[in-house]
Amino acid sequence: MGQNPDDMFGDEDFPAYTIGQAAEMLGTTQDFLRRLDEAKLINPHRSGGGHRRYSRYQLRLAARAREMVDQGTALEAACRIIILEDQLEEALRQNQQQGTRHADG
């Protein structure tokens, strides 16, 4: 049984975009997206045929990497910075949730 399309496309993590669509949306090359995968910034979902599929969340990370590279940051450094920023944001979000739970208890 398939998912409701409204649920899928409302999901930030749903792998809705092909590598060609993603590259066009970001104004970059497919090779750039492959390099982000190699640098472990994004790990696109693979279709049954092995084709990369990207989510909106992954496209936001790729857009940030492109912006940093365009400003002169080395690709590997940009990827590491974005990974650390993302980890910090997640840790802060979890910390805030735990603080809210403790305040309610």
C-alpha atoms as a PDB file:
ATOM      1  CA  MET A   1       0.000   0.000   0.000  1.00  0.00           C
ATOM      2  CA  GLY A   2       1.509   3.358  -1.027  1.00  0.00           C
ATOM      3  CA  GLN A   3       1.764   6.572   0.926  1.00  0.00           C
ATOM      4  CA  ASN A   4      -0.645   9.447   0.399  1.00  0.00           C
ATOM      5  CA  PRO A   5       1.101  11.914  -2.000  1.00  0.00           C
ATOM      6  CA  ASP A   6       0.261  14.833   0.322  1.00  0.00           C
ATOM      7  CA  ASP A   7       2.077  13.050   3.165  1.00  0.00           C
ATOM      8  CA  MET A   8       5.092  12.246   0.986  1.00  0.00           C
ATOM      9  CA  PHE A   9       5.637  15.726  -0.434  1.00  0.00           C
ATOM     10  CA  GLY A  10       5.017  17.398   2.910  1.00  0.00           C
ATOM     11  CA  ASP A  11       7.827  15.262   4.356  1.00  0.00           C
ATOM     12  CA  GLU A  12      11.192  17.067   4.384  1.00  0.00           C
ATOM     13  CA  ASP A  13      12.988  13.709   4.176  1.00  0.00           C
ATOM     14  CA  PHE A  14      10.984  12.139   1.338  1.00  0.00           C
ATOM     15  CA  PRO A  15      13.386  11.403  -1.569  1.00  0.00           C
ATOM     16  CA  ALA A  16      11.337  13.150  -4.246  1.00  0.00           C
ATOM     17  CA  TYR A  17      13.985  14.562  -6.609  1.00  0.00           C
ATOM     18  CA  THR A  18      16.294  12.902  -9.117  1.00  0.00           C
ATOM     19  CA  ILE A  19      19.900  14.035  -9.387  1.00  0.00           C
ATOM     20  CA  GLY A  20      19.031  15.903 -12.606  1.00  0.00           C
ATOM     21  CA  GLN A  21      16.120  17.712 -10.968  1.00  0.00           C
ATOM     22  CA  ALA A  22      18.214  18.513  -7.894  1.00  0.00           C
ATOM     23  CA  ALA A  23      21.108  19.901  -9.968  1.00  0.00           C
ATOM     24  CA  GLU A  24      18.737  22.052 -12.028  1.00  0.00           C
ATOM     25  CA  MET A  25      16.944  23.391  -8.940  1.00  0.00           C
ATOM     26  CA  LEU A  26      20.265  24.290  -7.294  1.00  0.00           C
ATOM     27  CA  GLY A  27      21.865  25.677 -10.456  1.00  0.00           C
ATOM     28  CA  THR A  28      24.788  23.281 -10.133  1.00  0.00           C
ATOM     29  CA  THR A  29      26.080  20.116 -11.780  1.00  0.00           C
ATOM     30  CA  GLN A  30      25.284  16.503 -11.079  1.00  0.00           C
ATOM     31  CA  ASP A  31      29.001  16.010 -10.416  1.00  0.00           C
ATOM     32  CA  PHE A  32      28.839  18.584  -7.599  1.00  0.00           C
ATOM     33  CA  LEU A  33      26.030  16.582  -5.983  1.00  0.00           C
ATOM     34  CA  ARG A  34      28.033  13.362  -6.346  1.00  0.00           C
ATOM     35  CA  ARG A  35      30.986  15.075  -4.642  1.00  0.00           C
ATOM     36  CA  LEU A  36      28.719  16.060  -1.706  1.00  0.00           C
ATOM     37  CA  ASP A  37      27.785  12.382  -1.402  1.00  0.00           C
ATOM     38  CA  GLU A  38      31.490  11.388  -1.445  1.00  0.00           C
ATOM     39  CA  ALA A  39      32.225  14.051   1.212  1.00  0.00           C
ATOM     40  CA  LYS A  40      29.441  12.503   3.355  1.00  0.00           C
ATOM     41  CA  LEU A  41      27.409  15.707   3.546  1.00  0.00           C
ATOM     42  CA  ILE A  42      24.364  14.063   2.024  1.00  0.00           C
ATOM     43  CA  ASN A  43      23.535  10.415   1.561  1.00  0.00           C
ATOM     44  CA  PRO A  44      20.812  10.299  -1.070  1.00  0.00           C
ATOM     45  CA  HIS A  45      18.284   7.501  -1.112  1.00  0.00           C
ATOM     46  CA  ARG A  46      18.857   4.979  -3.895  1.00  0.00           C
ATOM     47  CA  SER A  47      15.988   3.863  -6.099  1.00  0.00           C
ATOM     48  CA  GLY A  48      15.542   0.195  -6.992  1.00  0.00           C
ATOM     49  CA  GLY A  49      17.715   0.863 -10.057  1.00  0.00           C
ATOM     50  CA  GLY A  50      20.441   2.525  -7.956  1.00  0.00           C
ATOM     51  CA  HIS A  51      19.623   6.103  -8.972  1.00  0.00           C
ATOM     52  CA  ARG A  52      20.125   8.880  -6.423  1.00  0.00           C
ATOM     53  CA  ARG A  53      16.981  10.523  -5.027  1.00  0.00           C
ATOM     54  CA  TYR A  54      17.150  13.699  -2.928  1.00  0.00           C
ATOM     55  CA  SER A  55      14.879  15.140  -0.253  1.00  0.00           C
ATOM     56  CA  ARG A  56      14.133  18.826   0.342  1.00  0.00           C
ATOM     57  CA  TYR A  57      16.282  18.684   3.477  1.00  0.00           C
ATOM     58  CA  GLN A  58      19.227  17.354   1.454  1.00  0.00           C
ATOM     59  CA  LEU A  59      18.707  20.042  -1.172  1.00  0.00           C
ATOM     60  CA  ARG A  60      18.926  22.718   1.534  1.00  0.00           C
ATOM     61  CA  LEU A  61      22.266  21.263   2.703  1.00  0.00           C
ATOM     62  CA  ALA A  62      23.520  21.111  -0.888  1.00  0.00           C
ATOM     63  CA  ALA A  63      22.458  24.730  -1.495  1.00  0.00           C
ATOM     64  CA  ARG A  64      24.370  25.815   1.619  1.00  0.00           C
ATOM     65  CA  ALA A  65      27.462  23.919   0.420  1.00  0.00           C
ATOM     66  CA  ARG A  66      27.222  25.522  -3.011  1.00  0.00           C
ATOM     67  CA  GLU A  67      26.945  28.964  -1.432  1.00  0.00           C
ATOM     68  CA  MET A  68      30.047  28.369   0.705  1.00  0.00           C
ATOM     69  CA  VAL A  69      32.060  26.936  -2.208  1.00  0.00           C
ATOM     70  CA  ASP A  70      31.038  29.906  -4.370  1.00  0.00           C
ATOM     71  CA  GLN A  71      32.418  32.171  -1.613  1.00  0.00           C
ATOM     72  CA  GLY A  72      35.787  30.384  -1.755  1.00  0.00           C
ATOM     73  CA  THR A  73      35.507  27.706   0.934  1.00  0.00           C
ATOM     74  CA  ALA A  74      37.008  24.344  -0.025  1.00  0.00           C
ATOM     75  CA  LEU A  75      34.331  21.704  -0.629  1.00  0.00           C
ATOM     76  CA  GLU A  76      35.559  19.381   2.126  1.00  0.00           C
ATOM     77  CA  ALA A  77      35.729  22.246   4.631  1.00  0.00           C
ATOM     78  CA  ALA A  78      32.250  23.471   3.660  1.00  0.00           C
ATOM     79  CA  CYS A  79      30.828  19.973   4.121  1.00  0.00           C
ATOM     80  CA  ARG A  80      32.455  19.588   7.538  1.00  0.00           C
ATOM     81  CA  ILE A  81      31.169  22.999   8.680  1.00  0.00           C
ATOM     82  CA  ILE A  82      27.628  22.198   7.535  1.00  0.00           C
ATOM     83  CA  ILE A  83      27.712  18.772   9.229  1.00  0.00           C
ATOM     84  CA  LEU A  84      28.844  20.377  12.496  1.00  0.00           C
ATOM     85  CA  GLU A  85      26.219  23.127  12.228  1.00  0.00           C
ATOM     86  CA  ASP A  86      23.540  20.503  11.614  1.00  0.00           C
ATOM     87  CA  GLN A  87      24.702  18.401  14.586  1.00  0.00           C
ATOM     88  CA  LEU A  88      24.712  21.474  16.835  1.00  0.00           C
ATOM     89  CA  GLU A  89      21.217  22.475  15.723  1.00  0.00           C
ATOM     90  CA  GLU A  90      19.929  18.956  16.450  1.00  0.00           C
ATOM     91  CA  ALA A  91      21.620  18.870  19.882  1.00  0.00           C
ATOM     92  CA  LEU A  92      20.127  22.261  20.786  1.00  0.00           C
ATOM     93  CA  ARG A  93      16.685  21.101  19.646  1.00  0.00           C
ATOM     94  CA  GLN A  94      16.928  17.934  21.768  1.00  0.00           C
ATOM     95  CA  ASN A  95      18.213  19.925  24.727  1.00  0.00           C
ATOM     96  CA  GLN A  96      15.299  22.353  24.432  1.00  0.00           C
ATOM     97  CA  GLN A  97      12.815  19.454  24.272  1.00  0.00           C
ATOM     98  CA  GLN A  98      14.310  17.867  27.388  1.00  0.00           C
ATOM     99  CA  GLY A  99      14.218  21.197  29.205  1.00  0.00           C
ATOM    100  CA  THR A 100      10.532  21.572  28.335  1.00  0.00           C
ATOM    101  CA  ARG A 101       9.799  18.042  29.621  1.00  0.00           C
ATOM    102  CA  HIS A 102      11.616  18.710  32.907  1.00  0.00           C
ATOM    103  CA  ALA A 103       9.788  22.014  33.399  1.00  0.00           C
ATOM    104  CA  ASP A 104       6.439  20.235  32.945  1.00  0.00           C
ATOM    105  CA  GLY A 105       7.349  17.410  35.363  1.00  0.00           C
END
